[in-house]
Every structure is written in C-alpha cells, then in structure tokens.
C-alpha cells in the first residue's frame, strides 16, 4: 500500500491542505488520523474556497474515499455543520465519507473545560483554540470518554453513556467554581444527532488492511504541526 504522509513541521499553518489537494489526483483515499476541529485546512479550486476542520480535504475529489480515523477526537456537532456546508455546495459524499467507530468524541464539557483552563492560566495561557481537543484526549487516556461507536447503541443506552461522561466532566468543571452542564440537555442533543452519524461508521482498521492488500494509493493528512506535539514540540 503506497502511502503519502503530509505533516506540518512547524506550529501549523504550513499549507498542508494545499499540498494534499495538489497531490490528491494520484491517490484513491485520504485519511485524517489525528487531531480534531482545531484544524483549519483551506482549499481553493475552480469551485471556490473550502475550509475544512475535521473532514479530510481530499473529499473534494469525487472518486476519493475519505476516512476520519480512530486517532481523531471528533466533535459531532461541528462535523454536522461542516458536512452541511459541503452538501449545500453540491459535494456528494454518500458512501465515501467514513467515520471510525473507535474515534473519541469531543463533548460540550471538553470545550468548556478548555476555556476554563485558558482563563486560569491567564498570561501564561497556551493559546488553545477552545475546541476541547486537549481535554478530549485526556478523557480518552483516562478511559472516561465516549467513543463514536456509542452512537450505534440504542437511544436509551446512548443517553446513559452521554449522561455518565458529562457527569465526569462536571466534576472537573466544578473544580473551577463554574456551574455544571445540564446532563439532560447534553444527552438529548446527542440522541438527536445519532441518526445522521450512524450510517457513516465503519471498521477503519479492517478497511485500511484491505486497501493495503489491494495496493491502493493512500494519502495521510496530518493536522496541526510537529512543534505542537507534546513529545517533539514545545512544552507546556
């Protein structure tokens, strides 16, 4: 499986999407494998300007399959809005925009905690985009998060999962002296978006393994930049 990997060598804003768009014609699939809605990938073509945050920018090629992989933290509501913009501009994604069921979900408390942490740091703030990316990855590694696969549960079970995760988040919110989120409202919002997301889920690990066997040309579209990495970049 030949693969082309596009990564940023700085703090982001290296025109990664422009490079992806330039090279995409020789590839059959594109995979976003990390990050979330804090990315801002802009493509300008004959149809105008497109701004991507979570959906791989290679989706603009009609014969390309786009995958949002298990390493991402996905904001389902931001995804809904981004998808809506593509559909409004007659970009057909049916059957070729796929979501990993193992990806983590960015929840409302993640974004709230993100903003609270930035406010607490004051002049030493790290310049977070407020999209909840860091807190979502923290929930993932502490096993207190929600996976995209939870959208495949019954409405009742999904409601329970969202309620439990939000209760965990509210404990952290209360440490800042801020008011907790309404678990009832958050759970209802997630149940309402369930129908939109469910048809797009797939086992991306099995899919990529099959692509490897078939020798497909794959584009791996990175987000942010190397110098934002907590191991290889600046810290804190």
Foldseek 3Di string as FASTA:
>chain_A
DAEAEQAAAAQFPPQLLVVCCVPVVQFAEEEAQAEEQVFWHWDQDPLGIATDRQWRSSLQPPRHAYEYHQRYAYALVVVVVSVVVCVVSVRDCPPRYAYEQNHFYQAPLLLVVLVLVQVVCVVNGPPDPSSSRVVRVVCVVVVLTDTSNLLVDPLVSQLVSQLSSQVVSQVVVVVSVDHGDDSNVRSVVSSVCSVVRVVRYDNVVVVVVVCVVVVGYYYYRYGTHQQVDCVRHDDD
